Amino acid sequence: METLIQLDKTVFAFFNQTIANPLFDKFFPFITNGEHWVLLYAVIIIWLLWKGGRNGRICVLALALTITLSDGINSRLIKQAVNRDRPCHETGMYVRSLVPCGGGKSFASSHAANNFAAAVILSFFFIKMRWLFFSIAALVAFSRVYVGVHYPIDIISGAIIGSLIAYLVLFVLKKVKIINC
């Protein structure tokens, strides 16, 4: 386990420090800030509800269920159980903090969990655009390491947790015959 933690810290240092440059120092703090995504999310939800028909409304329902579960399970259960400090809170470690560190725990990343959960749901309904949904999720997830608030294993775990929860929601919606496939 110690070897895995050390590898995680080494990879973190590479992404947080070694590849640092002025362009990324502007781009990734912007990407990581959820407030910059609110308008886009609102437009997508309104469009789905207004023009998406039955599938659009089911997609919004699936997104709401998935994000609620993903965020709740990750933030209230997993983070509390694992209790891993963020890199920006760890003593004796140099971290380039490009955004406020936050008071929460590090493992697993809720940004990664929620964005990958949304990517899975949106990809189910809009398969031709899955490259866009997963690209956005990956950029947001990577930004969390670059700005200094998460370790890579937090991101990978968050992506897996969010994706699994999304697949579970889709499975249940299929079983209760809300969606067909």
N, C-alpha and C. Protein backbone atom coordinates (compact mmCIF):
# COMPACT_ATOMS: atom_id res chain seq x y z
N MET A 1 0.82 -1.19 0.00
CA MET A 1 0.00 0.00 0.00
C MET A 1 0.87 1.26 0.00
N GLU A 2 1.94 1.23 0.75
CA GLU A 2 2.84 2.39 0.81
C GLU A 2 3.43 2.69 -0.56
N THR A 3 3.74 1.65 -1.35
CA THR A 3 4.27 1.84 -2.70
C THR A 3 3.24 2.54 -3.58
N LEU A 4 1.99 2.14 -3.48
CA LEU A 4 0.93 2.76 -4.26
C LEU A 4 0.75 4.24 -3.87
N ILE A 5 0.80 4.52 -2.59
CA ILE A 5 0.67 5.92 -2.13
C ILE A 5 1.83 6.75 -2.63
N GLN A 6 3.04 6.20 -2.59
CA GLN A 6 4.21 6.94 -3.07
C GLN A 6 4.13 7.17 -4.58
N LEU A 7 3.68 6.18 -5.33
CA LEU A 7 3.50 6.33 -6.77
C LEU A 7 2.45 7.42 -7.05
N ASP A 8 1.37 7.41 -6.27
CA ASP A 8 0.32 8.41 -6.42
C ASP A 8 0.88 9.82 -6.21
N LYS A 9 1.72 9.98 -5.21
CA LYS A 9 2.33 11.28 -4.92
C LYS A 9 3.32 11.70 -6.00
N THR A 10 4.03 10.73 -6.56
CA THR A 10 4.97 11.03 -7.64
C THR A 10 4.24 11.48 -8.90
N VAL A 11 3.18 10.77 -9.25
CA VAL A 11 2.38 11.15 -10.42
C VAL A 11 1.71 12.51 -10.17
N PHE A 12 1.24 12.72 -8.95
CA PHE A 12 0.67 14.02 -8.59
C PHE A 12 1.69 15.14 -8.84
N ALA A 13 2.91 14.96 -8.35
CA ALA A 13 3.95 15.98 -8.50
C ALA A 13 4.23 16.25 -9.98
N PHE A 14 4.21 15.21 -10.80
CA PHE A 14 4.44 15.39 -12.24
C PHE A 14 3.36 16.30 -12.83
N PHE A 15 2.09 15.99 -12.55
CA PHE A 15 0.99 16.77 -13.13
C PHE A 15 0.82 18.14 -12.48
N ASN A 16 1.13 18.25 -11.21
CA ASN A 16 0.95 19.51 -10.50
C ASN A 16 2.13 20.46 -10.68
N GLN A 17 3.33 19.90 -10.94
CA GLN A 17 4.53 20.75 -10.97
C GLN A 17 5.31 20.65 -12.27
N THR A 18 5.64 19.44 -12.68
CA THR A 18 6.54 19.25 -13.82
C THR A 18 5.98 19.81 -15.12
N ILE A 19 4.70 19.57 -15.39
CA ILE A 19 4.12 20.05 -16.65
C ILE A 19 3.52 21.45 -16.53
N ALA A 20 3.72 22.08 -15.38
CA ALA A 20 3.15 23.41 -15.15
C ALA A 20 3.62 24.41 -16.20
N ASN A 21 2.68 25.23 -16.65
CA ASN A 21 3.01 26.29 -17.61
C ASN A 21 1.93 27.36 -17.52
N PRO A 22 2.23 28.57 -18.01
CA PRO A 22 1.28 29.68 -17.87
C PRO A 22 -0.10 29.43 -18.50
N LEU A 23 -0.14 28.73 -19.63
CA LEU A 23 -1.43 28.45 -20.27
C LEU A 23 -2.29 27.55 -19.39
N PHE A 24 -1.71 26.44 -18.94
CA PHE A 24 -2.44 25.52 -18.06
C PHE A 24 -2.82 26.19 -16.75
N ASP A 25 -1.96 27.09 -16.26
CA ASP A 25 -2.23 27.78 -14.99
C ASP A 25 -3.46 28.68 -15.08
N LYS A 26 -3.86 29.07 -16.26
CA LYS A 26 -5.10 29.84 -16.46
C LYS A 26 -6.26 28.91 -16.82
N PHE A 27 -5.99 27.93 -17.69
CA PHE A 27 -7.02 27.06 -18.23
C PHE A 27 -7.63 26.14 -17.16
N PHE A 28 -6.81 25.42 -16.41
CA PHE A 28 -7.34 24.41 -15.50
C PHE A 28 -8.05 24.97 -14.27
N PRO A 29 -7.62 26.11 -13.70
CA PRO A 29 -8.46 26.69 -12.64
C PRO A 29 -9.85 27.11 -13.16
N PHE A 30 -9.91 27.57 -14.41
CA PHE A 30 -11.21 27.89 -15.00
C PHE A 30 -12.05 26.63 -15.16
N ILE A 31 -11.46 25.57 -15.71
CA ILE A 31 -12.16 24.31 -15.96
C ILE A 31 -12.65 23.68 -14.65
N THR A 32 -11.85 23.76 -13.60
CA THR A 32 -12.19 23.08 -12.35
C THR A 32 -13.31 23.75 -11.57
N ASN A 33 -13.59 25.02 -11.89
CA ASN A 33 -14.59 25.79 -11.17
C ASN A 33 -15.99 25.45 -11.68
N GLY A 34 -16.77 24.79 -10.84
CA GLY A 34 -18.12 24.38 -11.23
C GLY A 34 -19.04 25.52 -11.60
N GLU A 35 -18.78 26.70 -11.07
CA GLU A 35 -19.61 27.86 -11.40
C GLU A 35 -19.53 28.21 -12.89
N HIS A 36 -18.42 27.87 -13.52
CA HIS A 36 -18.28 28.16 -14.95
C HIS A 36 -19.09 27.20 -15.82
N TRP A 37 -19.57 26.12 -15.25
CA TRP A 37 -20.32 25.11 -15.99
C TRP A 37 -21.82 25.23 -15.77
N VAL A 38 -22.24 26.01 -14.78
CA VAL A 38 -23.67 26.08 -14.41
C VAL A 38 -24.54 26.48 -15.59
N LEU A 39 -24.15 27.49 -16.33
CA LEU A 39 -24.96 27.95 -17.47
C LEU A 39 -25.09 26.85 -18.52
N LEU A 40 -23.99 26.19 -18.84
CA LEU A 40 -24.04 25.10 -19.83
C LEU A 40 -24.97 23.98 -19.34
N TYR A 41 -24.82 23.58 -18.07
CA TYR A 41 -25.69 22.53 -17.52
C TYR A 41 -27.15 22.95 -17.56
N ALA A 42 -27.42 24.20 -17.22
CA ALA A 42 -28.80 24.70 -17.22
C ALA A 42 -29.39 24.68 -18.64
N VAL A 43 -28.60 25.11 -19.61
CA VAL A 43 -29.07 25.11 -21.00
C VAL A 43 -29.36 23.68 -21.46
N ILE A 44 -28.49 22.74 -21.14
CA ILE A 44 -28.70 21.34 -21.54
C ILE A 44 -29.99 20.80 -20.91
N ILE A 45 -30.18 21.04 -19.62
CA ILE A 45 -31.37 20.53 -18.93
C ILE A 45 -32.64 21.17 -19.50
N ILE A 46 -32.62 22.47 -19.69
CA ILE A 46 -33.80 23.15 -20.26
C ILE A 46 -34.09 22.62 -21.66
N TRP A 47 -33.06 22.47 -22.48
CA TRP A 47 -33.26 21.95 -23.83
C TRP A 47 -33.83 20.54 -23.78
N LEU A 48 -33.29 19.69 -22.89
CA LEU A 48 -33.80 18.32 -22.79
C LEU A 48 -35.26 18.29 -22.36
N LEU A 49 -35.61 19.13 -21.40
CA LEU A 49 -37.00 19.16 -20.94
C LEU A 49 -37.94 19.76 -21.98
N TRP A 50 -37.48 20.76 -22.71
CA TRP A 50 -38.32 21.47 -23.66
C TRP A 50 -38.41 20.76 -25.01
N LYS A 51 -37.27 20.38 -25.56
CA LYS A 51 -37.22 19.83 -26.92
C LYS A 51 -36.89 18.34 -26.98
N GLY A 52 -36.54 17.75 -25.86
CA GLY A 52 -36.06 16.38 -25.87
C GLY A 52 -37.12 15.31 -25.86
N GLY A 53 -38.37 15.71 -25.71
CA GLY A 53 -39.45 14.73 -25.69
C GLY A 53 -39.36 13.83 -24.47
N ARG A 54 -39.96 12.66 -24.59
CA ARG A 54 -39.97 11.69 -23.49
C ARG A 54 -38.55 11.29 -23.10
N ASN A 55 -37.69 11.00 -24.09
CA ASN A 55 -36.32 10.61 -23.79
C ASN A 55 -35.54 11.72 -23.09
N GLY A 56 -35.80 12.95 -23.48
CA GLY A 56 -35.14 14.08 -22.83
C GLY A 56 -35.52 14.19 -21.36
N ARG A 57 -36.81 14.01 -21.08
CA ARG A 57 -37.27 14.06 -19.69
C ARG A 57 -36.73 12.88 -18.88
N ILE A 58 -36.67 11.72 -19.50
CA ILE A 58 -36.10 10.56 -18.82
C ILE A 58 -34.60 10.78 -18.57
N CYS A 59 -33.92 11.38 -19.53
CA CYS A 59 -32.50 11.69 -19.38
C CYS A 59 -32.29 12.63 -18.19
N VAL A 60 -33.11 13.66 -18.07
CA VAL A 60 -32.99 14.60 -16.94
C VAL A 60 -33.26 13.86 -15.62
N LEU A 61 -34.27 13.00 -15.60
CA LEU A 61 -34.55 12.19 -14.41
C LEU A 61 -33.35 11.32 -14.06
N ALA A 62 -32.80 10.65 -15.06
CA ALA A 62 -31.64 9.78 -14.83
C ALA A 62 -30.44 10.60 -14.32
N LEU A 63 -30.23 11.77 -14.91
CA LEU A 63 -29.13 12.64 -14.45
C LEU A 63 -29.35 13.06 -13.00
N ALA A 64 -30.56 13.48 -12.67
CA ALA A 64 -30.84 13.92 -11.30
C ALA A 64 -30.62 12.80 -10.29
N LEU A 65 -31.15 11.62 -10.60
CA LEU A 65 -30.96 10.47 -9.71
C LEU A 65 -29.48 10.12 -9.57
N THR A 66 -28.79 10.08 -10.70
CA THR A 66 -27.40 9.66 -10.71
C THR A 66 -26.51 10.64 -9.96
N ILE A 67 -26.65 11.92 -10.24
CA ILE A 67 -25.79 12.91 -9.58
C ILE A 67 -26.09 12.97 -8.08
N THR A 68 -27.36 12.87 -7.72
CA THR A 68 -27.73 12.86 -6.30
C THR A 68 -27.09 11.67 -5.59
N LEU A 69 -27.19 10.49 -6.18
CA LEU A 69 -26.58 9.30 -5.59
C LEU A 69 -25.05 9.39 -5.60
N SER A 70 -24.49 9.78 -6.72
CA SER A 70 -23.03 9.86 -6.85
C SER A 70 -22.44 10.81 -5.83
N ASP A 71 -23.00 12.01 -5.76
CA ASP A 71 -22.47 13.01 -4.84
C ASP A 71 -22.69 12.59 -3.38
N GLY A 72 -23.86 12.08 -3.09
CA GLY A 72 -24.16 11.66 -1.71
C GLY A 72 -23.30 10.51 -1.24
N ILE A 73 -23.21 9.47 -2.05
CA ILE A 73 -22.42 8.30 -1.67
C ILE A 73 -20.95 8.67 -1.54
N ASN A 74 -20.46 9.44 -2.51
CA ASN A 74 -19.04 9.79 -2.48
C ASN A 74 -18.72 10.76 -1.34
N SER A 75 -19.46 11.84 -1.24
CA SER A 75 -19.15 12.88 -0.26
C SER A 75 -19.46 12.48 1.18
N ARG A 76 -20.57 11.79 1.38
CA ARG A 76 -21.00 11.50 2.75
C ARG A 76 -20.55 10.14 3.26
N LEU A 77 -20.27 9.21 2.36
CA LEU A 77 -19.88 7.88 2.81
C LEU A 77 -18.39 7.59 2.54
N ILE A 78 -18.01 7.62 1.28
CA ILE A 78 -16.65 7.19 0.91
C ILE A 78 -15.60 8.14 1.47
N LYS A 79 -15.78 9.44 1.25
CA LYS A 79 -14.78 10.40 1.75
C LYS A 79 -14.64 10.32 3.27
N GLN A 80 -15.75 10.15 3.96
CA GLN A 80 -15.69 10.07 5.42
C GLN A 80 -15.04 8.77 5.87
N ALA A 81 -15.31 7.67 5.18
CA ALA A 81 -14.74 6.38 5.56
C ALA A 81 -13.23 6.33 5.30
N VAL A 82 -12.80 6.84 4.15
CA VAL A 82 -11.37 6.78 3.79
C VAL A 82 -10.58 7.86 4.55
N ASN A 83 -11.15 9.06 4.64
CA ASN A 83 -10.56 10.15 5.44
C ASN A 83 -9.14 10.52 4.99
N ARG A 84 -8.93 10.61 3.70
CA ARG A 84 -7.61 10.99 3.16
C ARG A 84 -7.54 12.50 2.98
N ASP A 85 -6.49 13.10 3.51
CA ASP A 85 -6.31 14.54 3.35
C ASP A 85 -5.98 14.89 1.90
N ARG A 86 -6.40 16.08 1.51
CA ARG A 86 -6.06 16.60 0.19
C ARG A 86 -4.55 16.88 0.15
N PRO A 87 -3.96 16.83 -1.04
CA PRO A 87 -2.52 17.12 -1.13
C PRO A 87 -2.18 18.52 -0.59
N CYS A 88 -3.07 19.47 -0.81
CA CYS A 88 -2.83 20.84 -0.36
C CYS A 88 -2.92 20.98 1.16
N HIS A 89 -3.36 19.95 1.85
CA HIS A 89 -3.42 19.96 3.32
C HIS A 89 -2.30 19.12 3.92
N GLU A 90 -1.60 18.38 3.10
CA GLU A 90 -0.59 17.46 3.62
C GLU A 90 0.69 18.22 3.98
N THR A 91 1.18 17.98 5.17
CA THR A 91 2.40 18.65 5.62
C THR A 91 3.63 17.98 5.00
N GLY A 92 4.64 18.78 4.76
CA GLY A 92 5.89 18.26 4.23
C GLY A 92 5.87 17.96 2.74
N MET A 93 4.84 18.43 2.05
CA MET A 93 4.74 18.16 0.62
C MET A 93 4.53 19.48 -0.11
N TYR A 94 5.32 19.72 -1.15
CA TYR A 94 5.14 20.93 -1.94
C TYR A 94 3.98 20.74 -2.91
N VAL A 95 3.06 21.69 -2.91
CA VAL A 95 1.89 21.64 -3.79
C VAL A 95 1.69 23.03 -4.38
N ARG A 96 1.54 23.08 -5.69
CA ARG A 96 1.15 24.33 -6.35
C ARG A 96 -0.37 24.43 -6.25
N SER A 97 -0.87 25.21 -5.32
CA SER A 97 -2.31 25.37 -5.13
C SER A 97 -2.79 26.53 -5.97
N LEU A 98 -3.55 26.23 -7.01
CA LEU A 98 -4.04 27.25 -7.92
C LEU A 98 -5.48 27.67 -7.63
N VAL A 99 -6.13 26.96 -6.73
CA VAL A 99 -7.48 27.30 -6.28
C VAL A 99 -7.50 27.07 -4.77
N PRO A 100 -8.50 27.62 -4.08
CA PRO A 100 -8.59 27.34 -2.64
C PRO A 100 -8.69 25.84 -2.39
N CYS A 101 -8.02 25.38 -1.36
CA CYS A 101 -7.91 23.94 -1.11
C CYS A 101 -9.23 23.30 -0.72
N GLY A 102 -10.03 23.99 0.04
CA GLY A 102 -11.28 23.39 0.50
C GLY A 102 -11.05 22.58 1.77
N GLY A 103 -12.10 22.39 2.51
CA GLY A 103 -11.97 21.71 3.79
C GLY A 103 -12.29 20.24 3.75
N GLY A 104 -12.79 19.76 2.62
CA GLY A 104 -13.19 18.37 2.54
C GLY A 104 -12.02 17.41 2.38
N LYS A 105 -12.35 16.16 2.30
CA LYS A 105 -11.35 15.11 2.13
C LYS A 105 -11.08 14.86 0.65
N SER A 106 -10.06 14.08 0.38
CA SER A 106 -9.57 13.93 -0.98
C SER A 106 -10.12 12.71 -1.72
N PHE A 107 -10.26 11.60 -1.04
CA PHE A 107 -10.62 10.35 -1.72
C PHE A 107 -12.09 10.04 -1.51
N ALA A 108 -12.78 9.90 -2.54
CA ALA A 108 -12.51 10.04 -3.97
C ALA A 108 -13.02 11.40 -4.43
N SER A 109 -12.60 11.82 -5.58
CA SER A 109 -12.98 13.13 -6.10
C SER A 109 -14.46 13.16 -6.50
N SER A 110 -15.20 14.05 -5.87
CA SER A 110 -16.61 14.21 -6.24
C SER A 110 -16.76 14.85 -7.61
N HIS A 111 -15.83 15.75 -7.96
CA HIS A 111 -15.86 16.33 -9.31
C HIS A 111 -15.77 15.22 -10.36
N ALA A 112 -14.83 14.31 -10.16
CA ALA A 112 -14.66 13.20 -11.11
C ALA A 112 -15.87 12.28 -11.08
N ALA A 113 -16.33 11.93 -9.89
CA ALA A 113 -17.48 11.02 -9.78
C ALA A 113 -18.71 11.60 -10.47
N ASN A 114 -19.02 12.84 -10.19
CA ASN A 114 -20.23 13.44 -10.75
C ASN A 114 -20.14 13.69 -12.24
N ASN A 115 -18.99 14.13 -12.71
CA ASN A 115 -18.85 14.38 -14.15
C ASN A 115 -18.81 13.09 -14.96
N PHE A 116 -18.18 12.05 -14.44
CA PHE A 116 -18.20 10.77 -15.17
C PHE A 116 -19.58 10.12 -15.08
N ALA A 117 -20.27 10.29 -13.96
CA ALA A 117 -21.64 9.78 -13.86
C ALA A 117 -22.51 10.45 -14.91
N ALA A 118 -22.40 11.77 -15.03
CA ALA A 118 -23.18 12.50 -16.04
C ALA A 118 -22.78 12.07 -17.45
N ALA A 119 -21.50 11.85 -17.69
CA ALA A 119 -21.03 11.43 -19.01
C ALA A 119 -21.64 10.08 -19.41
N VAL A 120 -21.71 9.16 -18.46
CA VAL A 120 -22.30 7.85 -18.76
C VAL A 120 -23.78 8.00 -19.11
N ILE A 121 -24.51 8.77 -18.31
CA ILE A 121 -25.95 8.96 -18.57
C ILE A 121 -26.17 9.65 -19.91
N LEU A 122 -25.49 10.77 -20.13
CA LEU A 122 -25.67 11.50 -21.39
C LEU A 122 -25.25 10.66 -22.59
N SER A 123 -24.22 9.85 -22.44
CA SER A 123 -23.77 8.99 -23.53
C SER A 123 -24.78 7.90 -23.86
N PHE A 124 -25.51 7.45 -22.86
CA PHE A 124 -26.55 6.46 -23.11
C PHE A 124 -27.63 7.04 -24.02
N PHE A 125 -28.00 8.28 -23.78
CA PHE A 125 -29.06 8.91 -24.55
C PHE A 125 -28.57 9.56 -25.84
N PHE A 126 -27.33 9.96 -25.87
CA PHE A 126 -26.76 10.66 -27.04
C PHE A 126 -25.41 10.03 -27.39
N ILE A 127 -25.46 8.83 -27.91
CA ILE A 127 -24.25 8.03 -28.11
C ILE A 127 -23.24 8.70 -29.05
N LYS A 128 -23.72 9.43 -30.05
CA LYS A 128 -22.79 10.06 -30.99
C LYS A 128 -21.98 11.18 -30.35
N MET A 129 -22.43 11.68 -29.21
CA MET A 129 -21.72 12.77 -28.54
C MET A 129 -20.92 12.30 -27.32
N ARG A 130 -20.82 10.99 -27.16
CA ARG A 130 -20.12 10.47 -25.97
C ARG A 130 -18.69 10.95 -25.88
N TRP A 131 -18.02 11.15 -27.01
CA TRP A 131 -16.64 11.66 -26.99
C TRP A 131 -16.58 13.02 -26.30
N LEU A 132 -17.59 13.86 -26.54
CA LEU A 132 -17.63 15.19 -25.92
C LEU A 132 -17.88 15.08 -24.42
N PHE A 133 -18.84 14.26 -24.01
CA PHE A 133 -19.17 14.12 -22.60
C PHE A 133 -17.99 13.58 -21.80
N PHE A 134 -17.33 12.55 -22.34
CA PHE A 134 -16.19 11.97 -21.62
C PHE A 134 -14.96 12.87 -21.69
N SER A 135 -14.83 13.65 -22.75
CA SER A 135 -13.72 14.62 -22.82
C SER A 135 -13.88 15.69 -21.75
N ILE A 136 -15.09 16.18 -21.59
CA ILE A 136 -15.34 17.19 -20.55
C ILE A 136 -15.09 16.59 -19.17
N ALA A 137 -15.60 15.40 -18.93
CA ALA A 137 -15.39 14.75 -17.63
C ALA A 137 -13.91 14.54 -17.35
N ALA A 138 -13.17 14.12 -18.36
CA ALA A 138 -11.72 13.89 -18.17
C ALA A 138 -10.98 15.20 -17.91
N LEU A 139 -11.34 16.25 -18.63
CA LEU A 139 -10.70 17.55 -18.40
C LEU A 139 -10.97 18.07 -16.99
N VAL A 140 -12.20 17.99 -16.55
CA VAL A 140 -12.53 18.44 -15.21
C VAL A 140 -11.78 17.59 -14.18
N ALA A 141 -11.77 16.28 -14.38
CA ALA A 141 -11.08 15.39 -13.44
C ALA A 141 -9.58 15.70 -13.39
N PHE A 142 -8.96 15.82 -14.55
CA PHE A 142 -7.52 16.12 -14.59
C PHE A 142 -7.23 17.47 -13.94
N SER A 143 -8.12 18.42 -14.13
CA SER A 143 -7.90 19.76 -13.57
C SER A 143 -7.74 19.71 -12.06
N ARG A 144 -8.41 18.76 -11.41
CA ARG A 144 -8.35 18.66 -9.94
C ARG A 144 -6.95 18.31 -9.46
N VAL A 145 -6.24 17.52 -10.24
CA VAL A 145 -4.84 17.19 -9.90
C VAL A 145 -3.96 18.39 -10.23
N TYR A 146 -4.14 18.94 -11.40
CA TYR A 146 -3.28 20.05 -11.85
C TYR A 146 -3.35 21.23 -10.87
N VAL A 147 -4.54 21.56 -10.37
CA VAL A 147 -4.67 22.71 -9.47
C VAL A 147 -4.28 22.40 -8.03
N GLY A 148 -4.02 21.13 -7.73
CA GLY A 148 -3.45 20.77 -6.43
C GLY A 148 -4.40 20.31 -5.36
N VAL A 149 -5.64 19.93 -5.71
CA VAL A 149 -6.60 19.56 -4.68
C VAL A 149 -6.92 18.06 -4.61
N HIS A 150 -6.41 17.28 -5.55
CA HIS A 150 -6.64 15.83 -5.54
C HIS A 150 -5.43 15.08 -6.06
N TYR A 151 -5.27 13.87 -5.56
CA TYR A 151 -4.27 12.95 -6.08
C TYR A 151 -4.86 12.20 -7.28
N PRO A 152 -4.01 11.67 -8.16
CA PRO A 152 -4.52 10.92 -9.32
C PRO A 152 -5.43 9.74 -8.94
N ILE A 153 -5.10 9.02 -7.87
CA ILE A 153 -5.93 7.87 -7.49
C ILE A 153 -7.33 8.34 -7.05
N ASP A 154 -7.42 9.56 -6.51
CA ASP A 154 -8.73 10.12 -6.16
C ASP A 154 -9.58 10.31 -7.40
N ILE A 155 -8.94 10.76 -8.46
CA ILE A 155 -9.62 11.02 -9.73
C ILE A 155 -10.08 9.73 -10.38
N ILE A 156 -9.16 8.78 -10.46
CA ILE A 156 -9.49 7.48 -11.07
C ILE A 156 -10.62 6.81 -10.30
N SER A 157 -10.51 6.82 -8.97
CA SER A 157 -11.56 6.20 -8.14
C SER A 157 -12.88 6.93 -8.29
N GLY A 158 -12.85 8.25 -8.30
CA GLY A 158 -14.08 9.02 -8.49
C GLY A 158 -14.74 8.70 -9.82
N ALA A 159 -13.93 8.61 -10.87
CA ALA A 159 -14.47 8.28 -12.20
C ALA A 159 -15.13 6.90 -12.20
N ILE A 160 -14.49 5.96 -11.54
CA ILE A 160 -15.05 4.59 -11.48
C ILE A 160 -16.34 4.58 -10.65
N ILE A 161 -16.32 5.24 -9.50
CA ILE A 161 -17.49 5.27 -8.63
C ILE A 161 -18.68 5.93 -9.35
N GLY A 162 -18.44 7.09 -9.93
CA GLY A 162 -19.52 7.78 -10.65
C GLY A 162 -20.06 6.96 -11.81
N SER A 163 -19.16 6.34 -12.56
CA SER A 163 -19.59 5.52 -13.70
C SER A 163 -20.41 4.32 -13.24
N LEU A 164 -19.96 3.65 -12.19
CA LEU A 164 -20.70 2.49 -11.68
C LEU A 164 -22.09 2.89 -11.19
N ILE A 165 -22.17 4.01 -10.50
CA ILE A 165 -23.48 4.47 -10.03
C ILE A 165 -24.39 4.79 -11.22
N ALA A 166 -23.84 5.41 -12.26
CA ALA A 166 -24.64 5.72 -13.45
C ALA A 166 -25.13 4.44 -14.13
N TYR A 167 -24.25 3.45 -14.26
CA TYR A 167 -24.67 2.18 -14.87
C TYR A 167 -25.73 1.49 -14.01
N LEU A 168 -25.63 1.61 -12.69
CA LEU A 168 -26.63 1.04 -11.80
C LEU A 168 -27.98 1.73 -11.99
N VAL A 169 -27.97 3.05 -12.09
CA VAL A 169 -29.21 3.80 -12.32
C VAL A 169 -29.83 3.38 -13.65
N LEU A 170 -29.02 3.29 -14.70
CA LEU A 170 -29.54 2.86 -16.01
C LEU A 170 -30.11 1.44 -15.93
N PHE A 171 -29.43 0.55 -15.22
CA PHE A 171 -29.90 -0.81 -15.04
C PHE A 171 -31.27 -0.84 -14.37
N VAL A 172 -31.42 -0.07 -13.29
CA VAL A 172 -32.69 -0.01 -12.57
C VAL A 172 -33.78 0.58 -13.46
N LEU A 173 -33.47 1.66 -14.17
CA LEU A 173 -34.46 2.27 -15.05
C LEU A 173 -34.89 1.31 -16.17
N LYS A 174 -33.98 0.47 -16.62
CA LYS A 174 -34.35 -0.55 -17.62
C LYS A 174 -35.23 -1.62 -16.98
N LYS A 175 -34.89 -2.04 -15.77
CA LYS A 175 -35.65 -3.11 -15.09
C LYS A 175 -37.08 -2.66 -14.80
N VAL A 176 -37.28 -1.40 -14.44
CA VAL A 176 -38.62 -0.92 -14.16
C VAL A 176 -39.31 -0.39 -15.41
N LYS A 177 -38.67 -0.62 -16.54
CA LYS A 177 -39.22 -0.31 -17.87
C LYS A 177 -39.47 1.18 -18.10
N ILE A 178 -38.65 2.02 -17.49
CA ILE A 178 -38.72 3.46 -17.78
C ILE A 178 -37.95 3.76 -19.05
N ILE A 179 -36.86 3.02 -19.27
CA ILE A 179 -36.12 3.15 -20.53
C ILE A 179 -36.08 1.80 -21.21
N ASN A 180 -36.01 1.86 -22.53
CA ASN A 180 -35.95 0.64 -23.34
C ASN A 180 -34.56 0.50 -23.93
N CYS A 181 -34.14 -0.71 -24.12
CA CYS A 181 -32.87 -0.93 -24.79
C CYS A 181 -32.61 -2.38 -25.02
